[in-house]
């Protein structure tokens, strides 16, 4: 079975990063993570971050990149920053109401992502979109926003499926598998987040996500290049949570053969 590297979304430990980013990155590396995904830079410049990561042997699994920073007036600056950082994956993590009030708004977002993807392709960058819950709750003509966006963007636009967010929005475990099958090769990076209707602080392996089947689908069909753990609710201190999630995930993967 293919060995896909495992990263952590730094939003999971955002308070620790804000207090001591170098120390937090060191702990993450010592846990056995191979990479990190950024959601903010804590006042550091790209070359400073690159040096910290290189010294620890960590790679960049992506950045959560505000849609405004991909606008024509800011795109060159964004690409330069990410090139220095060593990042290929520019993932839009959220859009405001102005992008999703109507079906035409959402199609405008699809067109925007398509245009940006075409602009950055020569620089070996991939543009993508990350779901929250609303993409699975809001529909137009019976089609949810997630499918509407993916149907109207080319395969080069990556889908960063967040398992916990999708299930919070009403998707089932079987729906997660179907999404990977429906859009083969587009799950370049995925957010591994547990969902439990009974335990809001569940860690990976403690809830209702069908992990073995989902991970297998990512490997066989999704074209997945990074597994990215994210934890946003805490039964333990955040750093302990992401350590436990990594250990649990490795145990699940080992059991898959």
C-alpha atoms as a PDB file:
ATOM      1  CA  UNK A   1       0.000   0.000   0.000  1.00  0.00           C
ATOM      2  CA  UNK A   2       1.257   3.465  -0.880  1.00  0.00           C
ATOM      3  CA  UNK A   3       2.885   5.437   1.917  1.00  0.00           C
ATOM      4  CA  UNK A   4       1.285   8.879   2.018  1.00  0.00           C
ATOM      5  CA  UNK A   5       3.019  11.391   4.317  1.00  0.00           C
ATOM      6  CA  UNK A   6       1.138  12.781   7.302  1.00  0.00           C
ATOM      7  CA  UNK A   7       0.973  16.470   8.212  1.00  0.00           C
ATOM      8  CA  UNK A   8      -0.914  18.534  10.764  1.00  0.00           C
ATOM      9  CA  UNK A   9      -2.953  21.663  10.145  1.00  0.00           C
ATOM     10  CA  UNK A  10      -1.359  24.223  12.480  1.00  0.00           C
ATOM     11  CA  UNK A  11      -4.760  25.731  13.266  1.00  0.00           C
ATOM     12  CA  UNK A  12      -5.100  22.699  15.545  1.00  0.00           C
ATOM     13  CA  UNK A  13      -2.430  24.170  17.829  1.00  0.00           C
ATOM     14  CA  UNK A  14      -2.847  27.833  16.986  1.00  0.00           C
ATOM     15  CA  UNK A  15      -2.449  29.121  20.540  1.00  0.00           C
ATOM     16  CA  UNK A  16       0.770  27.166  20.988  1.00  0.00           C
ATOM     17  CA  UNK A  17       2.036  28.526  17.660  1.00  0.00           C
ATOM     18  CA  UNK A  18       1.199  32.079  18.680  1.00  0.00           C
ATOM     19  CA  UNK A  19       3.167  31.687  21.924  1.00  0.00           C
ATOM     20  CA  UNK A  20       6.180  29.827  20.518  1.00  0.00           C
ATOM     21  CA  UNK A  21       6.141  28.803  16.873  1.00  0.00           C
ATOM     22  CA  UNK A  22       9.694  27.382  16.747  1.00  0.00           C
ATOM     23  CA  UNK A  23       9.101  25.325  19.888  1.00  0.00           C
ATOM     24  CA  UNK A  24       5.739  24.071  18.660  1.00  0.00           C
ATOM     25  CA  UNK A  25       7.179  23.041  15.293  1.00  0.00           C
ATOM     26  CA  UNK A  26       9.950  21.190  17.109  1.00  0.00           C
ATOM     27  CA  UNK A  27       7.409  19.249  19.163  1.00  0.00           C
ATOM     28  CA  UNK A  28       5.439  18.421  16.019  1.00  0.00           C
ATOM     29  CA  UNK A  29       8.553  17.089  14.310  1.00  0.00           C
ATOM     30  CA  UNK A  30       9.444  15.016  17.360  1.00  0.00           C
ATOM     31  CA  UNK A  31       5.968  13.446  17.333  1.00  0.00           C
ATOM     32  CA  UNK A  32       6.720  12.021  13.901  1.00  0.00           C
ATOM     33  CA  UNK A  33       4.777  14.357  11.642  1.00  0.00           C
ATOM     34  CA  UNK A  34       6.363  14.815   8.229  1.00  0.00           C
ATOM     35  CA  UNK A  35       4.807  18.164   7.372  1.00  0.00           C
ATOM     36  CA  UNK A  36       2.599  21.055   8.393  1.00  0.00           C
ATOM     37  CA  UNK A  37      -0.153  23.042   6.745  1.00  0.00           C
ATOM     38  CA  UNK A  38      -0.289  26.740   7.550  1.00  0.00           C
ATOM     39  CA  UNK A  39      -3.337  28.840   8.431  1.00  0.00           C
ATOM     40  CA  UNK A  40      -1.464  32.059   9.203  1.00  0.00           C
ATOM     41  CA  UNK A  41       2.205  32.817   9.676  1.00  0.00           C
ATOM     42  CA  UNK A  42       2.437  34.322  13.175  1.00  0.00           C
ATOM     43  CA  UNK A  43       4.454  37.319  12.052  1.00  0.00           C
ATOM     44  CA  UNK A  44       7.204  35.303  10.350  1.00  0.00           C
ATOM     45  CA  UNK A  45       8.477  35.892   6.830  1.00  0.00           C
ATOM     46  CA  UNK A  46       8.562  33.078   4.285  1.00  0.00           C
ATOM     47  CA  UNK A  47      12.348  32.651   4.405  1.00  0.00           C
ATOM     48  CA  UNK A  48      12.260  32.482   8.220  1.00  0.00           C
ATOM     49  CA  UNK A  49       9.582  29.799   8.152  1.00  0.00           C
ATOM     50  CA  UNK A  50      11.462  27.844   5.510  1.00  0.00           C
ATOM     51  CA  UNK A  51      14.588  27.868   7.665  1.00  0.00           C
ATOM     52  CA  UNK A  52      12.661  26.644  10.724  1.00  0.00           C
ATOM     53  CA  UNK A  53      11.096  23.817   8.737  1.00  0.00           C
ATOM     54  CA  UNK A  54      14.300  22.786   6.990  1.00  0.00           C
ATOM     55  CA  UNK A  55      16.150  22.613  10.302  1.00  0.00           C
ATOM     56  CA  UNK A  56      13.483  20.247  11.646  1.00  0.00           C
ATOM     57  CA  UNK A  57      13.101  18.155   8.496  1.00  0.00           C
ATOM     58  CA  UNK A  58       9.488  19.246   8.022  1.00  0.00           C
ATOM     59  CA  UNK A  59       7.819  19.906   4.664  1.00  0.00           C
ATOM     60  CA  UNK A  60       4.905  22.145   3.760  1.00  0.00           C
ATOM     61  CA  UNK A  61       1.704  20.251   3.010  1.00  0.00           C
ATOM     62  CA  UNK A  62      -0.151  23.410   2.019  1.00  0.00           C
ATOM     63  CA  UNK A  63      -1.309  26.825   3.101  1.00  0.00           C
ATOM     64  CA  UNK A  64      -4.825  27.980   3.786  1.00  0.00           C
ATOM     65  CA  UNK A  65      -4.867  30.930   1.458  1.00  0.00           C
ATOM     66  CA  UNK A  66      -7.538  33.613   1.649  1.00  0.00           C
ATOM     67  CA  UNK A  67      -9.463  34.062  -1.581  1.00  0.00           C
ATOM     68  CA  UNK A  68      -8.534  37.763  -1.576  1.00  0.00           C
ATOM     69  CA  UNK A  69      -4.815  36.912  -1.707  1.00  0.00           C
ATOM     70  CA  UNK A  70      -5.404  35.132  -5.019  1.00  0.00           C
ATOM     71  CA  UNK A  71      -6.890  38.245  -6.636  1.00  0.00           C
ATOM     72  CA  UNK A  72      -5.036  39.652  -9.656  1.00  0.00           C
ATOM     73  CA  UNK A  73      -3.528  42.502  -7.607  1.00  0.00           C
ATOM     74  CA  UNK A  74      -2.082  40.145  -4.971  1.00  0.00           C
ATOM     75  CA  UNK A  75      -1.427  36.889  -6.794  1.00  0.00           C
ATOM     76  CA  UNK A  76       2.224  37.562  -7.659  1.00  0.00           C
ATOM     77  CA  UNK A  77       3.028  38.396  -4.037  1.00  0.00           C
ATOM     78  CA  UNK A  78       1.230  35.254  -2.843  1.00  0.00           C
ATOM     79  CA  UNK A  79       3.098  33.038  -5.295  1.00  0.00           C
ATOM     80  CA  UNK A  80       6.446  34.535  -4.349  1.00  0.00           C
ATOM     81  CA  UNK A  81       5.774  33.936  -0.645  1.00  0.00           C
ATOM     82  CA  UNK A  82       4.740  30.322  -1.216  1.00  0.00           C
ATOM     83  CA  UNK A  83       7.606  29.590  -3.557  1.00  0.00           C
ATOM     84  CA  UNK A  84      10.049  30.756  -0.890  1.00  0.00           C
ATOM     85  CA  UNK A  85       8.156  28.761   1.716  1.00  0.00           C
ATOM     86  CA  UNK A  86       8.343  25.639  -0.411  1.00  0.00           C
ATOM     87  CA  UNK A  87       4.596  25.232  -0.735  1.00  0.00           C
ATOM     88  CA  UNK A  88       2.720  23.923  -3.782  1.00  0.00           C
ATOM     89  CA  UNK A  89      -0.849  23.787  -2.462  1.00  0.00           C
ATOM     90  CA  UNK A  90      -2.872  27.009  -2.246  1.00  0.00           C
ATOM     91  CA  UNK A  91      -6.093  26.007  -0.542  1.00  0.00           C
ATOM     92  CA  UNK A  92      -8.967  28.464  -0.128  1.00  0.00           C
ATOM     93  CA  UNK A  93     -10.346  27.638   3.332  1.00  0.00           C
ATOM     94  CA  UNK A  94     -13.533  29.696   3.416  1.00  0.00           C
ATOM     95  CA  UNK A  95     -15.583  32.201   1.464  1.00  0.00           C
ATOM     96  CA  UNK A  96     -18.038  34.761   2.775  1.00  0.00           C
ATOM     97  CA  UNK A  97     -21.709  35.168   1.990  1.00  0.00           C
ATOM     98  CA  UNK A  98     -20.956  37.347  -1.027  1.00  0.00           C
ATOM     99  CA  UNK A  99     -19.723  34.227  -2.839  1.00  0.00           C
ATOM    100  CA  UNK A 100     -22.672  31.959  -1.986  1.00  0.00           C
ATOM    101  CA  UNK A 101     -25.946  33.857  -1.743  1.00  0.00           C
ATOM    102  CA  UNK A 102     -27.060  32.626  -5.148  1.00  0.00           C
ATOM    103  CA  UNK A 103     -26.169  29.860  -7.562  1.00  0.00           C
ATOM    104  CA  UNK A 104     -24.549  32.447  -9.823  1.00  0.00           C
ATOM    105  CA  UNK A 105     -22.354  33.590  -6.925  1.00  0.00           C
ATOM    106  CA  UNK A 106     -21.101  30.052  -6.439  1.00  0.00           C
ATOM    107  CA  UNK A 107     -20.500  29.636 -10.157  1.00  0.00           C
ATOM    108  CA  UNK A 108     -18.522  32.883 -10.023  1.00  0.00           C
ATOM    109  CA  UNK A 109     -16.320  31.280  -7.373  1.00  0.00           C
ATOM    110  CA  UNK A 110     -15.860  28.236  -9.602  1.00  0.00           C
ATOM    111  CA  UNK A 111     -14.853  30.494 -12.477  1.00  0.00           C
ATOM    112  CA  UNK A 112     -12.429  32.400 -10.240  1.00  0.00           C
ATOM    113  CA  UNK A 113     -10.735  29.214  -9.018  1.00  0.00           C
ATOM    114  CA  UNK A 114     -10.515  27.944 -12.582  1.00  0.00           C
ATOM    115  CA  UNK A 115      -8.851  31.163 -13.755  1.00  0.00           C
ATOM    116  CA  UNK A 116      -6.351  31.187 -10.893  1.00  0.00           C
ATOM    117  CA  UNK A 117      -5.551  27.524 -11.481  1.00  0.00           C
ATOM    118  CA  UNK A 118      -4.744  28.285 -15.120  1.00  0.00           C
ATOM    119  CA  UNK A 119      -2.495  31.178 -14.112  1.00  0.00           C
ATOM    120  CA  UNK A 120      -0.436  29.240 -11.577  1.00  0.00           C
ATOM    121  CA  UNK A 121      -0.128  25.917 -13.359  1.00  0.00           C
ATOM    122  CA  UNK A 122       3.209  26.773 -14.966  1.00  0.00           C
ATOM    123  CA  UNK A 123       4.696  27.506 -11.560  1.00  0.00           C
ATOM    124  CA  UNK A 124       3.901  24.019 -10.247  1.00  0.00           C
ATOM    125  CA  UNK A 125       1.213  25.286  -7.877  1.00  0.00           C
ATOM    126  CA  UNK A 126      -2.158  23.688  -7.227  1.00  0.00           C
ATOM    127  CA  UNK A 127      -5.199  25.726  -6.229  1.00  0.00           C
ATOM    128  CA  UNK A 128      -7.912  24.057  -4.209  1.00  0.00           C
ATOM    129  CA  UNK A 129     -10.912  24.532  -1.958  1.00  0.00           C
ATOM    130  CA  UNK A 130     -11.577  23.282   1.591  1.00  0.00           C
ATOM    131  CA  UNK A 131     -15.096  22.582   2.822  1.00  0.00           C
ATOM    132  CA  UNK A 132     -16.823  23.521   6.029  1.00  0.00           C
ATOM    133  CA  UNK A 133     -20.313  22.259   6.872  1.00  0.00           C
ATOM    134  CA  UNK A 134     -22.400  24.672   4.792  1.00  0.00           C
ATOM    135  CA  UNK A 135     -21.313  23.248   1.424  1.00  0.00           C
ATOM    136  CA  UNK A 136     -23.263  20.100   2.325  1.00  0.00           C
ATOM    137  CA  UNK A 137     -26.304  21.903   3.711  1.00  0.00           C
ATOM    138  CA  UNK A 138     -26.927  24.645   1.168  1.00  0.00           C
ATOM    139  CA  UNK A 139     -28.398  23.518  -2.151  1.00  0.00           C
ATOM    140  CA  UNK A 140     -29.541  24.980  -5.459  1.00  0.00           C
ATOM    141  CA  UNK A 141     -31.936  22.916  -7.553  1.00  0.00           C
ATOM    142  CA  UNK A 142     -31.249  19.912  -5.346  1.00  0.00           C
ATOM    143  CA  UNK A 143     -27.475  20.043  -5.722  1.00  0.00           C
ATOM    144  CA  UNK A 144     -25.251  20.947  -2.795  1.00  0.00           C
ATOM    145  CA  UNK A 145     -22.537  23.570  -3.072  1.00  0.00           C
ATOM    146  CA  UNK A 146     -19.738  21.023  -2.924  1.00  0.00           C
ATOM    147  CA  UNK A 147     -20.865  19.144  -6.015  1.00  0.00           C
ATOM    148  CA  UNK A 148     -21.818  22.362  -7.779  1.00  0.00           C
ATOM    149  CA  UNK A 149     -18.302  23.757  -7.308  1.00  0.00           C
ATOM    150  CA  UNK A 150     -16.518  20.581  -8.323  1.00  0.00           C
ATOM    151  CA  UNK A 151     -18.685  20.014 -11.398  1.00  0.00           C
ATOM    152  CA  UNK A 152     -17.855  23.508 -12.648  1.00  0.00           C
ATOM    153  CA  UNK A 153     -14.100  23.428 -12.083  1.00  0.00           C
ATOM    154  CA  UNK A 154     -11.516  21.374 -13.968  1.00  0.00           C
ATOM    155  CA  UNK A 155      -9.654  18.454 -12.468  1.00  0.00           C
ATOM    156  CA  UNK A 156      -6.661  20.691 -11.786  1.00  0.00           C
ATOM    157  CA  UNK A 157      -8.622  22.436  -9.006  1.00  0.00           C
ATOM    158  CA  UNK A 158      -8.085  20.260  -5.959  1.00  0.00           C
ATOM    159  CA  UNK A 159     -10.777  19.371  -3.462  1.00  0.00           C
ATOM    160  CA  UNK A 160      -9.583  19.383   0.129  1.00  0.00           C
ATOM    161  CA  UNK A 161     -12.284  17.249   1.684  1.00  0.00           C
ATOM    162  CA  UNK A 162     -12.578  17.760   5.441  1.00  0.00           C
ATOM    163  CA  UNK A 163     -14.171  14.590   6.781  1.00  0.00           C
ATOM    164  CA  UNK A 164     -15.437  16.006  10.065  1.00  0.00           C
ATOM    165  CA  UNK A 165     -16.822  19.179   8.537  1.00  0.00           C
ATOM    166  CA  UNK A 166     -18.612  17.231   5.809  1.00  0.00           C
ATOM    167  CA  UNK A 167     -20.275  14.900   8.307  1.00  0.00           C
ATOM    168  CA  UNK A 168     -21.180  17.848  10.515  1.00  0.00           C
ATOM    169  CA  UNK A 169     -22.968  19.209   7.446  1.00  0.00           C
ATOM    170  CA  UNK A 170     -24.979  16.024   7.016  1.00  0.00           C
ATOM    171  CA  UNK A 171     -22.760  13.799   4.879  1.00  0.00           C
ATOM    172  CA  UNK A 172     -22.547  10.164   5.936  1.00  0.00           C
ATOM    173  CA  UNK A 173     -19.474   7.988   6.061  1.00  0.00           C
ATOM    174  CA  UNK A 174     -20.601   6.367   2.826  1.00  0.00           C
ATOM    175  CA  UNK A 175     -20.984   9.810   1.261  1.00  0.00           C
ATOM    176  CA  UNK A 176     -17.293  10.487   1.962  1.00  0.00           C
ATOM    177  CA  UNK A 177     -16.320   7.377   0.025  1.00  0.00           C
ATOM    178  CA  UNK A 178     -18.650   8.300  -2.832  1.00  0.00           C
ATOM    179  CA  UNK A 179     -17.154  11.788  -3.094  1.00  0.00           C
ATOM    180  CA  UNK A 180     -13.647  10.404  -3.595  1.00  0.00           C
ATOM    181  CA  UNK A 181     -14.987   8.022  -6.228  1.00  0.00           C
ATOM    182  CA  UNK A 182     -16.997  10.741  -7.962  1.00  0.00           C
ATOM    183  CA  UNK A 183     -13.983  13.043  -8.325  1.00  0.00           C
ATOM    184  CA  UNK A 184     -10.998  10.726  -8.860  1.00  0.00           C
ATOM    185  CA  UNK A 185      -7.562  12.250  -8.589  1.00  0.00           C
ATOM    186  CA  UNK A 186      -8.788  15.507  -7.074  1.00  0.00           C
ATOM    187  CA  UNK A 187      -8.232  14.792  -3.367  1.00  0.00           C
ATOM    188  CA  UNK A 188      -4.617  15.946  -3.475  1.00  0.00           C
ATOM    189  CA  UNK A 189      -4.705  16.780   0.222  1.00  0.00           C
ATOM    190  CA  UNK A 190      -7.397  15.700   2.679  1.00  0.00           C
ATOM    191  CA  UNK A 191      -8.260  16.872   6.180  1.00  0.00           C
ATOM    192  CA  UNK A 192      -8.601  13.964   8.542  1.00  0.00           C
ATOM    193  CA  UNK A 193     -10.961  15.080  11.281  1.00  0.00           C
ATOM    194  CA  UNK A 194     -13.107  12.797  13.404  1.00  0.00           C
ATOM    195  CA  UNK A 195     -16.862  13.164  13.713  1.00  0.00           C
ATOM    196  CA  UNK A 196     -18.944  11.729  16.520  1.00  0.00           C
ATOM    197  CA  UNK A 197     -22.576  12.565  17.171  1.00  0.00           C
ATOM    198  CA  UNK A 198     -22.086  11.459  20.782  1.00  0.00           C
ATOM    199  CA  UNK A 199     -18.627  12.866  21.578  1.00  0.00           C
ATOM    200  CA  UNK A 200     -17.726  16.328  20.243  1.00  0.00           C
ATOM    201  CA  UNK A 201     -14.098  15.974  21.373  1.00  0.00           C
ATOM    202  CA  UNK A 202     -13.507  12.596  19.718  1.00  0.00           C
ATOM    203  CA  UNK A 203     -10.050  11.974  18.301  1.00  0.00           C
ATOM    204  CA  UNK A 204      -9.300  10.074  15.103  1.00  0.00           C
ATOM    205  CA  UNK A 205     -10.533   6.520  15.487  1.00  0.00           C
ATOM    206  CA  UNK A 206     -13.052   7.322  18.217  1.00  0.00           C
ATOM    207  CA  UNK A 207     -16.048   8.331  16.122  1.00  0.00           C
ATOM    208  CA  UNK A 208     -18.101   7.551  13.054  1.00  0.00           C
ATOM    209  CA  UNK A 209     -15.742   8.200  10.134  1.00  0.00           C
ATOM    210  CA  UNK A 210     -15.087   4.865   8.333  1.00  0.00           C
ATOM    211  CA  UNK A 211     -11.363   5.438   8.422  1.00  0.00           C
ATOM    212  CA  UNK A 212     -10.031   2.266   6.779  1.00  0.00           C
ATOM    213  CA  UNK A 213     -12.397   2.528   3.855  1.00  0.00           C
ATOM    214  CA  UNK A 214     -11.856   6.265   3.462  1.00  0.00           C
ATOM    215  CA  UNK A 215      -8.065   6.109   3.612  1.00  0.00           C
ATOM    216  CA  UNK A 216      -8.064   3.209   1.178  1.00  0.00           C
ATOM    217  CA  UNK A 217     -10.239   5.190  -1.226  1.00  0.00           C
ATOM    218  CA  UNK A 218      -7.860   8.159  -1.000  1.00  0.00           C
ATOM    219  CA  UNK A 219      -4.904   5.926  -1.797  1.00  0.00           C
ATOM    220  CA  UNK A 220      -6.551   4.009  -4.639  1.00  0.00           C
ATOM    221  CA  UNK A 221      -8.715   6.679  -6.258  1.00  0.00           C
ATOM    222  CA  UNK A 222      -8.168  10.108  -4.725  1.00  0.00           C
ATOM    223  CA  UNK A 223      -4.657  10.819  -5.946  1.00  0.00           C
ATOM    224  CA  UNK A 224      -3.925  11.908  -2.383  1.00  0.00           C
ATOM    225  CA  UNK A 225      -0.450  13.290  -1.728  1.00  0.00           C
ATOM    226  CA  UNK A 226      -0.885  14.384   1.915  1.00  0.00           C
ATOM    227  CA  UNK A 227      -2.980  13.222   4.835  1.00  0.00           C
ATOM    228  CA  UNK A 228      -3.502  16.279   7.057  1.00  0.00           C
ATOM    229  CA  UNK A 229      -4.739  15.816  10.609  1.00  0.00           C
ATOM    230  CA  UNK A 230      -6.870  18.597  12.065  1.00  0.00           C
ATOM    231  CA  UNK A 231      -8.362  18.705  15.559  1.00  0.00           C
ATOM    232  CA  UNK A 232     -10.552  21.614  16.635  1.00  0.00           C
ATOM    233  CA  UNK A 233     -12.119  20.283  19.848  1.00  0.00           C
ATOM    234  CA  UNK A 234     -10.030  19.214  22.792  1.00  0.00           C
ATOM    235  CA  UNK A 235     -10.381  16.577  25.490  1.00  0.00           C
ATOM    236  CA  UNK A 236      -6.679  17.133  26.241  1.00  0.00           C
ATOM    237  CA  UNK A 237      -4.218  19.966  25.596  1.00  0.00           C
ATOM    238  CA  UNK A 238      -4.037  20.597  21.834  1.00  0.00           C
ATOM    239  CA  UNK A 239      -0.506  19.255  21.390  1.00  0.00           C
ATOM    240  CA  UNK A 240      -1.474  16.062  23.205  1.00  0.00           C
ATOM    241  CA  UNK A 241      -4.552  15.763  21.004  1.00  0.00           C
ATOM    242  CA  UNK A 242      -2.586  15.909  17.775  1.00  0.00           C
ATOM    243  CA  UNK A 243      -0.064  13.424  19.174  1.00  0.00           C
ATOM    244  CA  UNK A 244      -2.852  10.981  19.995  1.00  0.00           C
ATOM    245  CA  UNK A 245      -4.461  11.547  16.583  1.00  0.00           C
ATOM    246  CA  UNK A 246      -1.181  10.751  14.840  1.00  0.00           C
ATOM    247  CA  UNK A 247      -0.677   7.599  16.888  1.00  0.00           C
ATOM    248  CA  UNK A 248      -4.252   6.484  16.204  1.00  0.00           C
ATOM    249  CA  UNK A 249      -3.940   7.180  12.479  1.00  0.00           C
ATOM    250  CA  UNK A 250      -0.694   5.254  12.216  1.00  0.00           C
ATOM    251  CA  UNK A 251      -2.368   2.346  14.006  1.00  0.00           C
ATOM    252  CA  UNK A 252      -5.257   2.391  11.530  1.00  0.00           C
ATOM    253  CA  UNK A 253      -2.896   2.521   8.545  1.00  0.00           C
ATOM    254  CA  UNK A 254      -0.787  -0.305   9.958  1.00  0.00           C
ATOM    255  CA  UNK A 255      -3.912  -2.420  10.299  1.00  0.00           C
ATOM    256  CA  UNK A 256      -4.687  -1.905   6.621  1.00  0.00           C
ATOM    257  CA  UNK A 257      -1.581  -3.825   5.561  1.00  0.00           C
END
